[in-house]
N, C-alpha and C. Protein backbone atom coordinates (compact mmCIF):
# COMPACT_ATOMS: atom_id res chain seq x y z
N MET A 1 63.09 3.64 200.61
CA MET A 1 62.47 2.42 201.10
C MET A 1 62.16 2.51 202.60
N THR A 2 63.07 3.09 203.38
CA THR A 2 62.85 3.22 204.82
C THR A 2 61.64 4.09 205.11
N PHE A 3 61.54 5.22 204.42
CA PHE A 3 60.42 6.15 204.59
C PHE A 3 59.11 5.47 204.20
N ALA A 4 59.12 4.75 203.10
CA ALA A 4 57.91 4.07 202.62
C ALA A 4 57.47 2.96 203.57
N THR A 5 58.43 2.19 204.06
CA THR A 5 58.12 1.06 204.94
C THR A 5 57.66 1.51 206.32
N ASN A 6 58.39 2.44 206.91
CA ASN A 6 58.12 2.85 208.29
C ASN A 6 57.02 3.89 208.42
N TYR A 7 56.76 4.64 207.37
CA TYR A 7 55.76 5.70 207.48
C TYR A 7 54.69 5.68 206.40
N LEU A 8 55.09 5.79 205.14
CA LEU A 8 54.12 6.03 204.08
C LEU A 8 53.09 4.91 203.95
N GLY A 9 53.54 3.67 204.11
CA GLY A 9 52.61 2.55 204.07
C GLY A 9 51.57 2.63 205.18
N HIS A 10 52.00 3.09 206.36
CA HIS A 10 51.09 3.24 207.49
C HIS A 10 50.12 4.40 207.27
N PHE A 11 50.62 5.45 206.64
CA PHE A 11 49.75 6.58 206.30
C PHE A 11 48.64 6.10 205.37
N LEU A 12 49.02 5.32 204.35
CA LEU A 12 48.04 4.81 203.40
C LEU A 12 47.07 3.84 204.07
N LEU A 13 47.58 2.93 204.89
CA LEU A 13 46.72 1.97 205.58
C LEU A 13 45.69 2.69 206.45
N THR A 14 46.13 3.70 207.18
CA THR A 14 45.22 4.48 208.02
C THR A 14 44.15 5.15 207.16
N LYS A 15 44.58 5.71 206.05
CA LYS A 15 43.65 6.37 205.13
C LYS A 15 42.59 5.40 204.62
N LEU A 16 43.01 4.19 204.29
CA LEU A 16 42.10 3.18 203.75
C LEU A 16 41.10 2.66 204.79
N LEU A 17 41.52 2.63 206.05
CA LEU A 17 40.68 2.07 207.11
C LEU A 17 39.87 3.12 207.87
N LEU A 18 40.21 4.38 207.72
CA LEU A 18 39.67 5.42 208.59
C LEU A 18 38.15 5.55 208.52
N ASN A 19 37.59 5.52 207.34
CA ASN A 19 36.13 5.67 207.22
C ASN A 19 35.41 4.55 207.96
N THR A 20 35.91 3.33 207.82
CA THR A 20 35.32 2.19 208.52
C THR A 20 35.48 2.34 210.03
N MET A 21 36.64 2.79 210.47
CA MET A 21 36.86 2.99 211.91
C MET A 21 35.90 4.02 212.47
N MET A 22 35.73 5.12 211.76
CA MET A 22 34.84 6.19 212.23
C MET A 22 33.39 5.72 212.27
N LYS A 23 32.96 4.98 211.26
CA LYS A 23 31.59 4.45 211.23
C LYS A 23 31.36 3.47 212.37
N THR A 24 32.32 2.58 212.58
CA THR A 24 32.20 1.57 213.63
C THR A 24 32.13 2.22 215.01
N ALA A 25 32.99 3.21 215.24
CA ALA A 25 33.00 3.91 216.52
C ALA A 25 31.67 4.62 216.77
N LYS A 26 31.10 5.18 215.72
CA LYS A 26 29.83 5.89 215.85
C LYS A 26 28.68 4.93 216.11
N GLN A 27 28.68 3.80 215.43
CA GLN A 27 27.59 2.83 215.56
C GLN A 27 27.62 2.09 216.90
N THR A 28 28.82 1.78 217.37
CA THR A 28 28.95 0.98 218.60
C THR A 28 29.12 1.82 219.85
N GLY A 29 29.56 3.05 219.68
CA GLY A 29 29.85 3.89 220.84
C GLY A 29 31.19 3.58 221.47
N VAL A 30 31.91 2.66 220.86
CA VAL A 30 33.25 2.30 221.37
C VAL A 30 34.29 3.10 220.61
N PRO A 31 35.06 3.94 221.29
CA PRO A 31 36.04 4.78 220.59
C PRO A 31 37.10 3.94 219.87
N GLY A 32 37.48 4.40 218.70
CA GLY A 32 38.57 3.76 217.98
C GLY A 32 39.90 4.37 218.40
N ARG A 33 40.94 3.56 218.39
CA ARG A 33 42.27 4.06 218.76
C ARG A 33 43.29 3.65 217.70
N ILE A 34 44.06 4.61 217.26
CA ILE A 34 45.16 4.37 216.33
C ILE A 34 46.45 4.61 217.10
N VAL A 35 47.38 3.67 217.01
CA VAL A 35 48.68 3.83 217.68
C VAL A 35 49.79 3.73 216.65
N ASN A 36 50.53 4.81 216.48
CA ASN A 36 51.69 4.82 215.59
C ASN A 36 52.95 4.54 216.41
N VAL A 37 53.78 3.65 215.92
CA VAL A 37 55.02 3.32 216.62
C VAL A 37 56.15 4.16 216.05
N SER A 38 56.65 5.07 216.88
CA SER A 38 57.75 5.94 216.49
C SER A 38 59.01 5.52 217.24
N SER A 39 59.86 6.46 217.54
CA SER A 39 61.10 6.18 218.26
C SER A 39 61.68 7.50 218.76
N SER A 40 62.41 7.44 219.85
CA SER A 40 63.09 8.64 220.33
C SER A 40 64.11 9.14 219.31
N ILE A 41 64.50 8.27 218.39
CA ILE A 41 65.46 8.64 217.36
C ILE A 41 64.87 9.66 216.39
N HIS A 42 63.55 9.89 216.46
CA HIS A 42 62.95 10.92 215.60
C HIS A 42 63.61 12.27 215.83
N GLY A 43 64.14 12.47 217.03
CA GLY A 43 64.80 13.74 217.37
C GLY A 43 66.15 13.92 216.71
N TRP A 44 66.67 12.86 216.08
CA TRP A 44 67.97 12.97 215.42
C TRP A 44 67.88 13.66 214.07
N PHE A 45 66.66 13.79 213.53
CA PHE A 45 66.53 14.42 212.21
C PHE A 45 66.39 15.93 212.35
N SER A 46 67.12 16.64 211.51
CA SER A 46 66.98 18.09 211.41
C SER A 46 67.06 18.47 209.94
N GLY A 47 66.51 19.63 209.62
CA GLY A 47 66.54 20.08 208.23
C GLY A 47 65.17 20.03 207.59
N ASP A 48 65.16 20.17 206.28
CA ASP A 48 63.92 20.20 205.50
C ASP A 48 63.52 18.78 205.11
N MET A 49 62.44 18.30 205.69
CA MET A 49 62.01 16.92 205.45
C MET A 49 61.69 16.65 203.98
N ILE A 50 60.85 17.51 203.40
CA ILE A 50 60.39 17.29 202.03
C ILE A 50 61.56 17.33 201.05
N ARG A 51 62.47 18.25 201.29
CA ARG A 51 63.65 18.35 200.42
C ARG A 51 64.50 17.08 200.51
N TYR A 52 64.69 16.58 201.73
CA TYR A 52 65.51 15.38 201.90
C TYR A 52 64.86 14.16 201.25
N ILE A 53 63.53 14.06 201.36
CA ILE A 53 62.82 12.96 200.71
C ILE A 53 63.06 13.00 199.20
N GLY A 54 63.00 14.20 198.63
CA GLY A 54 63.26 14.36 197.20
C GLY A 54 64.68 13.98 196.83
N GLN A 55 65.64 14.36 197.69
CA GLN A 55 67.04 14.06 197.42
C GLN A 55 67.31 12.56 197.41
N ILE A 56 66.81 11.85 198.41
CA ILE A 56 67.11 10.41 198.48
C ILE A 56 66.29 9.63 197.46
N SER A 57 65.22 10.23 196.96
CA SER A 57 64.44 9.58 195.90
C SER A 57 65.16 9.66 194.56
N ARG A 58 65.92 10.74 194.38
CA ARG A 58 66.61 10.95 193.10
C ARG A 58 68.01 10.36 193.05
N SER A 59 68.67 10.32 194.22
CA SER A 59 70.07 9.91 194.22
C SER A 59 70.40 9.05 195.43
N LYS A 60 70.92 7.85 195.17
CA LYS A 60 71.32 6.96 196.26
C LYS A 60 72.49 7.53 197.05
N SER A 61 73.28 8.39 196.42
CA SER A 61 74.45 8.95 197.09
C SER A 61 74.05 9.86 198.24
N GLN A 62 72.80 10.36 198.23
CA GLN A 62 72.32 11.23 199.30
C GLN A 62 71.77 10.44 200.49
N TYR A 63 71.67 9.13 200.33
CA TYR A 63 71.00 8.30 201.34
C TYR A 63 71.92 7.98 202.51
N ASP A 64 71.43 8.22 203.71
CA ASP A 64 72.12 7.83 204.93
C ASP A 64 71.12 7.04 205.76
N ALA A 65 71.44 5.81 206.09
CA ALA A 65 70.48 4.91 206.73
C ALA A 65 69.96 5.45 208.05
N THR A 66 70.86 6.00 208.87
CA THR A 66 70.44 6.51 210.17
C THR A 66 69.54 7.72 210.03
N ARG A 67 69.90 8.64 209.14
CA ARG A 67 69.09 9.84 208.94
C ARG A 67 67.73 9.48 208.34
N ALA A 68 67.74 8.53 207.42
CA ALA A 68 66.48 8.10 206.80
C ALA A 68 65.56 7.45 207.83
N TYR A 69 66.13 6.68 208.74
CA TYR A 69 65.33 6.06 209.80
C TYR A 69 64.76 7.13 210.72
N ALA A 70 65.60 8.09 211.11
CA ALA A 70 65.13 9.18 211.97
C ALA A 70 64.01 9.96 211.30
N LEU A 71 64.14 10.20 210.00
CA LEU A 71 63.10 10.90 209.25
C LEU A 71 61.79 10.12 209.28
N SER A 72 61.86 8.81 209.08
CA SER A 72 60.64 8.01 209.05
C SER A 72 59.94 8.02 210.41
N LYS A 73 60.72 8.03 211.48
CA LYS A 73 60.13 8.05 212.82
C LYS A 73 59.58 9.44 213.16
N LEU A 74 60.23 10.49 212.66
CA LEU A 74 59.69 11.84 212.80
C LEU A 74 58.37 11.95 212.05
N ALA A 75 58.30 11.34 210.89
CA ALA A 75 57.06 11.35 210.10
C ALA A 75 55.92 10.70 210.87
N ASN A 76 56.21 9.63 211.62
CA ASN A 76 55.18 9.01 212.45
C ASN A 76 54.63 9.98 213.48
N VAL A 77 55.52 10.76 214.09
CA VAL A 77 55.12 11.74 215.10
C VAL A 77 54.26 12.83 214.48
N LEU A 78 54.69 13.36 213.35
CA LEU A 78 53.96 14.44 212.69
C LEU A 78 52.62 13.96 212.14
N HIS A 79 52.58 12.75 211.64
CA HIS A 79 51.32 12.17 211.17
C HIS A 79 50.32 12.10 212.32
N THR A 80 50.80 11.67 213.47
CA THR A 80 49.95 11.58 214.65
C THR A 80 49.37 12.94 215.01
N LYS A 81 50.22 13.94 215.01
CA LYS A 81 49.80 15.29 215.37
C LYS A 81 48.74 15.82 214.41
N GLU A 82 48.99 15.69 213.13
CA GLU A 82 48.08 16.22 212.11
C GLU A 82 46.76 15.44 212.08
N LEU A 83 46.85 14.12 212.15
CA LEU A 83 45.64 13.31 212.11
C LEU A 83 44.75 13.59 213.32
N ALA A 84 45.36 13.77 214.48
CA ALA A 84 44.58 14.08 215.69
C ALA A 84 43.78 15.36 215.52
N GLN A 85 44.39 16.38 214.93
CA GLN A 85 43.70 17.65 214.70
C GLN A 85 42.53 17.47 213.74
N ARG A 86 42.75 16.73 212.69
CA ARG A 86 41.70 16.52 211.69
C ARG A 86 40.54 15.69 212.25
N LEU A 87 40.84 14.68 213.03
CA LEU A 87 39.80 13.87 213.65
C LEU A 87 38.98 14.70 214.63
N LYS A 88 39.64 15.56 215.36
CA LYS A 88 38.96 16.43 216.33
C LYS A 88 37.99 17.37 215.62
N GLN A 89 38.41 17.92 214.50
CA GLN A 89 37.59 18.90 213.79
C GLN A 89 36.33 18.29 213.17
N VAL A 90 36.37 17.01 212.85
CA VAL A 90 35.17 16.35 212.31
C VAL A 90 34.42 15.57 213.40
N ASP A 91 34.85 15.78 214.65
CA ASP A 91 34.19 15.17 215.81
C ASP A 91 34.12 13.65 215.71
N ALA A 92 35.21 13.06 215.26
CA ALA A 92 35.28 11.60 215.14
C ALA A 92 35.54 10.98 216.50
N ASN A 93 34.93 9.85 216.74
CA ASN A 93 35.14 9.13 218.00
C ASN A 93 36.34 8.19 217.85
N VAL A 94 37.42 8.75 217.35
CA VAL A 94 38.66 8.01 217.10
C VAL A 94 39.82 8.87 217.56
N THR A 95 40.74 8.27 218.28
CA THR A 95 41.94 8.98 218.72
C THR A 95 43.18 8.38 218.07
N VAL A 96 44.26 9.14 218.07
CA VAL A 96 45.53 8.66 217.55
C VAL A 96 46.66 9.18 218.42
N ASN A 97 47.55 8.30 218.81
CA ASN A 97 48.73 8.66 219.58
C ASN A 97 49.92 7.87 219.04
N CYS A 98 51.11 8.28 219.42
CA CYS A 98 52.29 7.51 218.99
C CYS A 98 53.15 7.18 220.19
N VAL A 99 53.97 6.15 220.03
CA VAL A 99 54.76 5.64 221.15
C VAL A 99 56.21 5.41 220.75
N HIS A 100 57.07 5.53 221.75
CA HIS A 100 58.45 5.07 221.65
C HIS A 100 58.51 3.80 222.49
N PRO A 101 58.64 2.62 221.87
CA PRO A 101 58.58 1.38 222.64
C PRO A 101 59.81 1.11 223.49
N GLY A 102 60.90 1.79 223.20
CA GLY A 102 62.15 1.53 223.90
C GLY A 102 63.14 0.87 222.97
N ILE A 103 64.32 0.62 223.48
CA ILE A 103 65.39 0.05 222.67
C ILE A 103 65.42 -1.46 222.87
N VAL A 104 65.21 -2.19 221.79
CA VAL A 104 65.21 -3.64 221.82
C VAL A 104 66.13 -4.14 220.72
N ARG A 105 66.93 -5.12 221.01
CA ARG A 105 67.77 -5.67 219.95
C ARG A 105 66.93 -6.57 219.06
N THR A 106 66.84 -6.19 217.80
CA THR A 106 66.08 -6.98 216.83
C THR A 106 67.00 -7.32 215.66
N ARG A 107 66.44 -7.98 214.66
CA ARG A 107 67.21 -8.35 213.47
C ARG A 107 67.38 -7.18 212.51
N LEU A 108 66.93 -5.99 212.89
CA LEU A 108 67.10 -4.82 212.04
C LEU A 108 68.57 -4.49 211.82
N THR A 109 69.42 -4.94 212.74
CA THR A 109 70.85 -4.63 212.62
C THR A 109 71.63 -5.76 211.95
N ARG A 110 70.93 -6.71 211.35
CA ARG A 110 71.61 -7.90 210.81
C ARG A 110 72.66 -7.57 209.76
N GLU A 111 72.44 -6.48 208.99
CA GLU A 111 73.40 -6.14 207.95
C GLU A 111 74.64 -5.45 208.51
N ARG A 112 74.58 -5.08 209.78
CA ARG A 112 75.73 -4.42 210.40
C ARG A 112 76.29 -5.26 211.54
N GLU A 113 75.95 -6.53 211.56
CA GLU A 113 76.44 -7.38 212.63
C GLU A 113 77.95 -7.54 212.51
N GLY A 114 78.57 -7.67 213.67
CA GLY A 114 80.01 -7.79 213.72
C GLY A 114 80.49 -7.38 215.09
N LEU A 115 81.78 -7.27 215.25
CA LEU A 115 82.36 -6.98 216.56
C LEU A 115 81.88 -5.66 217.13
N ILE A 116 81.87 -4.60 216.31
CA ILE A 116 81.48 -3.27 216.82
C ILE A 116 80.02 -3.26 217.24
N THR A 117 79.14 -3.80 216.40
CA THR A 117 77.72 -3.84 216.73
C THR A 117 77.48 -4.66 217.99
N ASP A 118 78.13 -5.81 218.09
CA ASP A 118 77.99 -6.65 219.27
C ASP A 118 78.49 -5.93 220.52
N LEU A 119 79.58 -5.19 220.39
CA LEU A 119 80.14 -4.46 221.52
C LEU A 119 79.18 -3.36 221.98
N VAL A 120 78.61 -2.65 221.03
CA VAL A 120 77.67 -1.57 221.37
C VAL A 120 76.48 -2.14 222.13
N PHE A 121 75.91 -3.23 221.64
CA PHE A 121 74.76 -3.82 222.31
C PHE A 121 75.13 -4.41 223.67
N PHE A 122 76.36 -4.92 223.79
CA PHE A 122 76.80 -5.45 225.08
C PHE A 122 76.90 -4.32 226.11
N LEU A 123 77.50 -3.20 225.70
CA LEU A 123 77.65 -2.06 226.61
C LEU A 123 76.30 -1.45 226.97
N ALA A 124 75.35 -1.55 226.05
CA ALA A 124 74.02 -0.95 226.29
C ALA A 124 73.01 -1.96 226.83
N SER A 125 73.48 -3.16 227.17
CA SER A 125 72.56 -4.24 227.52
C SER A 125 71.66 -3.90 228.70
N LYS A 126 72.15 -3.11 229.64
CA LYS A 126 71.34 -2.74 230.80
C LYS A 126 70.20 -1.80 230.42
N LEU A 127 70.32 -1.15 229.27
CA LEU A 127 69.30 -0.21 228.82
C LEU A 127 68.28 -0.86 227.89
N LEU A 128 68.61 -2.05 227.39
CA LEU A 128 67.72 -2.72 226.45
C LEU A 128 66.49 -3.27 227.15
N LYS A 129 65.38 -3.29 226.44
CA LYS A 129 64.14 -3.83 226.98
C LYS A 129 63.87 -5.22 226.41
N THR A 130 63.17 -6.00 227.20
CA THR A 130 62.69 -7.27 226.68
C THR A 130 61.51 -6.97 225.75
N ILE A 131 61.11 -7.96 224.98
CA ILE A 131 59.98 -7.75 224.07
C ILE A 131 58.69 -7.39 224.84
N PRO A 132 58.36 -8.09 225.95
CA PRO A 132 57.17 -7.68 226.71
C PRO A 132 57.27 -6.26 227.26
N GLN A 133 58.46 -5.87 227.72
CA GLN A 133 58.64 -4.50 228.20
C GLN A 133 58.45 -3.49 227.08
N ALA A 134 58.97 -3.82 225.91
CA ALA A 134 58.85 -2.91 224.77
C ALA A 134 57.40 -2.78 224.31
N ALA A 135 56.63 -3.85 224.48
CA ALA A 135 55.23 -3.83 224.05
C ALA A 135 54.32 -3.11 225.05
N ALA A 136 54.81 -2.89 226.26
CA ALA A 136 53.96 -2.36 227.33
C ALA A 136 53.35 -1.00 226.99
N THR A 137 54.17 -0.08 226.47
CA THR A 137 53.65 1.26 226.18
C THR A 137 52.62 1.22 225.06
N THR A 138 52.87 0.42 224.05
CA THR A 138 51.91 0.28 222.95
C THR A 138 50.58 -0.26 223.46
N CYS A 139 50.63 -1.28 224.29
CA CYS A 139 49.40 -1.87 224.85
C CYS A 139 48.68 -0.87 225.75
N TYR A 140 49.45 -0.12 226.53
CA TYR A 140 48.87 0.89 227.42
C TYR A 140 48.11 1.94 226.62
N VAL A 141 48.74 2.46 225.59
CA VAL A 141 48.12 3.52 224.79
C VAL A 141 46.92 2.97 224.01
N ALA A 142 46.98 1.73 223.61
CA ALA A 142 45.89 1.14 222.82
C ALA A 142 44.67 0.77 223.65
N THR A 143 44.86 0.52 224.96
CA THR A 143 43.75 -0.07 225.72
C THR A 143 43.38 0.62 227.03
N HIS A 144 44.26 1.40 227.63
CA HIS A 144 43.99 1.87 228.99
C HIS A 144 42.84 2.88 229.03
N PRO A 145 41.87 2.68 229.94
CA PRO A 145 40.74 3.61 230.06
C PRO A 145 41.16 5.04 230.39
N ARG A 146 42.30 5.19 231.04
CA ARG A 146 42.77 6.52 231.43
C ARG A 146 43.02 7.41 230.21
N LEU A 147 43.29 6.80 229.07
CA LEU A 147 43.62 7.58 227.88
C LEU A 147 42.42 7.80 226.96
N LEU A 148 41.22 7.55 227.46
CA LEU A 148 40.01 7.83 226.70
C LEU A 148 39.99 9.30 226.30
N ASN A 149 39.81 9.56 225.01
CA ASN A 149 39.75 10.93 224.45
C ASN A 149 41.09 11.66 224.43
N ILE A 150 42.18 10.99 224.80
CA ILE A 150 43.51 11.59 224.69
C ILE A 150 44.02 11.33 223.28
N SER A 151 44.44 12.38 222.58
CA SER A 151 44.82 12.21 221.18
C SER A 151 45.94 13.18 220.81
N GLY A 152 46.76 12.76 219.85
CA GLY A 152 47.82 13.61 219.35
C GLY A 152 49.05 13.68 220.23
N LYS A 153 49.20 12.71 221.14
CA LYS A 153 50.30 12.74 222.10
C LYS A 153 51.37 11.69 221.76
N TYR A 154 52.50 11.86 222.42
CA TYR A 154 53.66 10.97 222.24
C TYR A 154 53.97 10.35 223.59
N PHE A 155 54.11 9.03 223.65
CA PHE A 155 54.31 8.33 224.91
C PHE A 155 55.59 7.50 224.89
N ALA A 156 56.21 7.43 226.07
CA ALA A 156 57.38 6.57 226.28
C ALA A 156 57.31 6.05 227.71
N ASP A 157 57.62 4.80 227.92
CA ASP A 157 57.55 4.19 229.26
C ASP A 157 56.20 4.41 229.92
N CYS A 158 55.15 4.29 229.13
CA CYS A 158 53.76 4.42 229.61
C CYS A 158 53.45 5.79 230.20
N ASN A 159 54.18 6.80 229.78
CA ASN A 159 53.93 8.17 230.20
C ASN A 159 54.00 9.09 228.99
N GLU A 160 53.25 10.19 229.04
CA GLU A 160 53.36 11.17 227.98
C GLU A 160 54.77 11.77 228.01
N ALA A 161 55.36 11.96 226.84
CA ALA A 161 56.73 12.44 226.75
C ALA A 161 56.82 13.58 225.75
N TRP A 162 57.99 14.24 225.76
CA TRP A 162 58.22 15.36 224.85
C TRP A 162 58.71 14.85 223.51
N THR A 163 58.30 15.51 222.46
CA THR A 163 58.86 15.23 221.14
C THR A 163 59.94 16.26 220.86
N SER A 164 60.63 16.10 219.74
CA SER A 164 61.61 17.10 219.32
C SER A 164 60.89 18.38 218.91
N LYS A 165 61.64 19.46 218.76
CA LYS A 165 61.05 20.73 218.32
C LYS A 165 60.37 20.57 216.97
N LEU A 166 61.03 19.86 216.06
CA LEU A 166 60.46 19.62 214.74
C LEU A 166 59.21 18.74 214.84
N GLY A 167 59.22 17.82 215.78
CA GLY A 167 58.10 16.91 215.95
C GLY A 167 56.85 17.58 216.50
N SER A 168 56.99 18.77 217.05
CA SER A 168 55.84 19.50 217.58
C SER A 168 55.42 20.66 216.69
N ASN A 169 55.99 20.71 215.48
CA ASN A 169 55.73 21.81 214.56
C ASN A 169 54.50 21.52 213.69
N SER A 170 53.43 22.28 213.93
CA SER A 170 52.17 22.06 213.20
C SER A 170 52.31 22.31 211.71
N ASN A 171 53.11 23.30 211.35
CA ASN A 171 53.30 23.60 209.92
C ASN A 171 54.01 22.45 209.20
N GLU A 172 55.01 21.87 209.86
CA GLU A 172 55.71 20.73 209.26
C GLU A 172 54.77 19.53 209.13
N ALA A 173 53.90 19.36 210.12
CA ALA A 173 52.94 18.26 210.08
C ALA A 173 51.99 18.42 208.89
N ALA A 174 51.54 19.65 208.66
CA ALA A 174 50.62 19.92 207.55
C ALA A 174 51.32 19.71 206.20
N LYS A 175 52.58 20.14 206.10
CA LYS A 175 53.34 19.96 204.86
C LYS A 175 53.55 18.48 204.56
N LEU A 176 53.88 17.72 205.59
CA LEU A 176 54.09 16.28 205.39
C LEU A 176 52.79 15.61 204.96
N TRP A 177 51.69 16.01 205.57
CA TRP A 177 50.39 15.43 205.21
C TRP A 177 50.09 15.67 203.74
N ALA A 178 50.26 16.91 203.31
CA ALA A 178 49.98 17.27 201.91
C ALA A 178 50.86 16.47 200.95
N ALA A 179 52.14 16.35 201.28
CA ALA A 179 53.06 15.58 200.44
C ALA A 179 52.69 14.10 200.42
N SER A 180 52.28 13.59 201.57
CA SER A 180 51.91 12.17 201.67
C SER A 180 50.67 11.87 200.85
N GLU A 181 49.71 12.79 200.87
CA GLU A 181 48.49 12.61 200.07
C GLU A 181 48.83 12.47 198.58
N ILE A 182 49.77 13.27 198.13
CA ILE A 182 50.19 13.20 196.73
C ILE A 182 50.87 11.86 196.44
N MET A 183 51.74 11.43 197.35
CA MET A 183 52.50 10.20 197.13
C MET A 183 51.63 8.95 197.10
N VAL A 184 50.51 8.95 197.84
CA VAL A 184 49.68 7.74 197.89
C VAL A 184 48.42 7.86 197.03
N SER A 185 48.27 8.97 196.34
CA SER A 185 47.01 9.26 195.64
C SER A 185 46.58 8.16 194.67
N LYS A 186 47.52 7.60 193.92
CA LYS A 186 47.14 6.60 192.92
C LYS A 186 46.72 5.27 193.55
N HIS A 187 47.03 5.09 194.84
CA HIS A 187 46.67 3.85 195.52
C HIS A 187 45.37 3.97 196.31
N ALA A 188 44.79 5.16 196.36
CA ALA A 188 43.61 5.36 197.19
C ALA A 188 42.49 6.09 196.45
N LYS A 189 42.49 6.01 195.14
CA LYS A 189 41.52 6.76 194.34
C LYS A 189 40.08 6.33 194.60
N ALA A 190 39.85 5.05 194.80
CA ALA A 190 38.48 4.54 194.91
C ALA A 190 37.97 4.50 196.35
N VAL A 191 38.75 5.01 197.29
CA VAL A 191 38.38 4.94 198.70
C VAL A 191 37.89 6.29 199.20
N PHE A 192 36.74 6.29 199.88
CA PHE A 192 36.24 7.54 200.45
C PHE A 192 37.07 7.90 201.67
N ASP A 193 37.58 9.10 201.69
CA ASP A 193 38.37 9.60 202.81
C ASP A 193 37.55 10.68 203.51
N PRO A 194 37.08 10.43 204.73
CA PRO A 194 36.24 11.41 205.43
C PRO A 194 36.96 12.70 205.77
N LEU A 195 38.27 12.72 205.65
CA LEU A 195 39.03 13.93 205.97
C LEU A 195 39.51 14.66 204.73
N SER A 196 39.27 14.09 203.54
CA SER A 196 39.87 14.62 202.32
C SER A 196 39.41 16.02 201.97
N ALA A 197 38.17 16.36 202.30
CA ALA A 197 37.64 17.68 201.92
C ALA A 197 37.84 18.71 203.01
N PHE A 198 38.53 18.31 204.07
CA PHE A 198 38.66 19.20 205.22
C PHE A 198 40.10 19.69 205.37
N ASP A 199 40.26 20.97 205.52
CA ASP A 199 41.58 21.56 205.72
C ASP A 199 41.47 22.64 206.79
N TYR A 200 41.68 22.23 208.05
CA TYR A 200 41.48 23.17 209.14
C TYR A 200 42.52 24.28 209.16
N HIS A 201 43.63 24.09 208.43
CA HIS A 201 44.68 25.12 208.42
C HIS A 201 44.23 26.37 207.69
N HIS A 202 43.17 26.26 206.90
CA HIS A 202 42.72 27.41 206.13
C HIS A 202 41.35 27.91 206.58
N MET A 203 40.93 27.50 207.77
CA MET A 203 39.64 27.96 208.29
C MET A 203 39.79 29.31 208.99
């Protein structure tokens, strides 16, 4: 569920909207921008992504909430990397980048509320961002003229930042893309995908 909510649904939404975005950008001359929201926690995941997805799909006993969240955020990073390459190869006037908005206390921790959770957030309170502060990097990447034609990058605190080693792996990005296409195929059969016939990894 975490992987589907945080990543796969966004992959499908992007796929469904991409042709319209590319056409609009071409007709108006105004570049399209896609911003994926990731997290620095993407660096917490290690191992074989596809294998782990299969494991947690088959058995609840293999599921770990923190690892699953890290995987979903890593998937956002890899999706950004792969999509940027594909858009570049078809000369689309659309860019894609991803951001780490920062640490904000939200209701995502509601199921773990209690003394320990409250204590952790109290001790980390100086590091937490307000909602406007957390939104700043997303707004910057989505709108700033300085980032015109910048694509496939990861940003934090309104600056380009490093991803994990796995997050910068082009082969892993391609594998995730291929697996994602299979997982969403029945939901996107009637939609034209301008990137579907293109595979730059085999050129």
